[in-house]
Amino acid sequence: MSENNDLQLMGQSPVFQGLNQQQLERVLERAHVKHFAAGTLIIRQGDPALACYILTQGYAKLTQVTPD
């Protein structure tokens, strides 16, 4: 994926709405592309929030364990 496509995807995300081109470029400079195989656990409930993931392709299933 090219940097221009990455910027376009980021600009469409509600997380980054309101950022201008230069600000998006600064965020992208710090970004890392990761690929996960189907069925891979990406994050576990209770883990510290050390990263922000933006899903650009595929699907993710989110589940949460509650006392009920």
Protein backbone atom coordinates (compact mmCIF):
# COMPACT_ATOMS: atom_id res chain seq x y z
CA MET A 1 0.00 0.00 0.00
CA SER A 2 1.39 3.40 -0.89
CA GLU A 3 1.78 6.28 1.52
CA ASN A 4 -0.83 8.26 -0.42
CA ASN A 5 -3.38 5.43 0.02
CA ASP A 6 -2.51 5.21 3.72
CA LEU A 7 -3.12 8.94 4.12
CA GLN A 8 -6.44 8.65 2.33
CA LEU A 9 -7.54 5.75 4.57
CA MET A 10 -6.47 7.61 7.70
CA GLY A 11 -8.31 10.73 6.61
CA GLN A 12 -11.51 8.70 6.29
CA SER A 13 -11.25 7.31 9.82
CA PRO A 14 -13.34 9.09 12.47
CA VAL A 15 -10.31 8.86 14.76
CA PHE A 16 -8.36 11.25 12.54
CA GLN A 17 -11.17 13.51 11.31
CA GLY A 18 -10.24 17.15 11.54
CA LEU A 19 -6.52 16.62 10.97
CA ASN A 20 -4.99 18.39 8.01
CA GLN A 21 -2.63 16.77 5.47
CA GLN A 22 0.53 17.71 7.41
CA GLN A 23 -0.86 16.33 10.67
CA LEU A 24 -1.89 13.09 8.97
CA GLU A 25 1.61 12.75 7.51
CA ARG A 26 3.12 13.17 10.99
CA VAL A 27 0.89 10.42 12.36
CA LEU A 28 1.73 8.14 9.42
CA GLU A 29 5.47 8.64 10.04
CA ARG A 30 4.98 6.90 13.40
CA ALA A 31 2.64 4.20 12.09
CA HIS A 32 3.54 0.55 11.61
CA VAL A 33 1.69 -1.77 9.25
CA LYS A 34 0.87 -5.14 10.78
CA HIS A 35 -0.76 -8.14 9.16
CA PHE A 36 -2.63 -10.70 11.26
CA ALA A 37 -3.63 -14.18 10.19
CA ALA A 38 -7.25 -15.23 10.62
CA GLY A 39 -7.98 -16.21 14.20
CA THR A 40 -5.08 -14.25 15.67
CA LEU A 41 -5.70 -12.64 19.06
CA ILE A 42 -4.74 -8.98 18.66
CA ILE A 43 -5.44 -7.60 22.12
CA ARG A 44 -6.78 -9.03 25.35
CA GLN A 45 -9.23 -7.38 27.74
CA GLY A 46 -7.29 -5.68 30.54
CA ASP A 47 -4.09 -5.19 28.51
CA PRO A 48 -2.64 -1.68 28.79
CA ALA A 49 -3.54 0.60 25.86
CA LEU A 50 -0.13 0.96 24.23
CA ALA A 51 -1.27 1.22 20.62
CA CYS A 52 -4.12 2.30 18.39
CA TYR A 53 -5.15 -0.15 15.68
CA ILE A 54 -6.89 0.96 12.49
CA LEU A 55 -8.39 -1.93 10.53
CA THR A 56 -8.01 -1.26 6.80
CA GLN A 57 -8.90 -4.69 5.40
CA GLY A 58 -10.77 -7.72 6.59
CA TYR A 59 -12.85 -8.18 9.71
CA ALA A 60 -12.25 -8.28 13.45
CA LYS A 61 -14.42 -9.81 16.14
CA LEU A 62 -14.64 -7.93 19.43
CA THR A 63 -15.81 -9.70 22.56
CA GLN A 64 -15.90 -8.54 26.15
CA VAL A 65 -16.17 -10.61 29.30
CA THR A 66 -18.59 -9.20 31.88
CA PRO A 67 -19.67 -10.39 35.34
CA ASP A 68 -23.01 -11.42 33.80
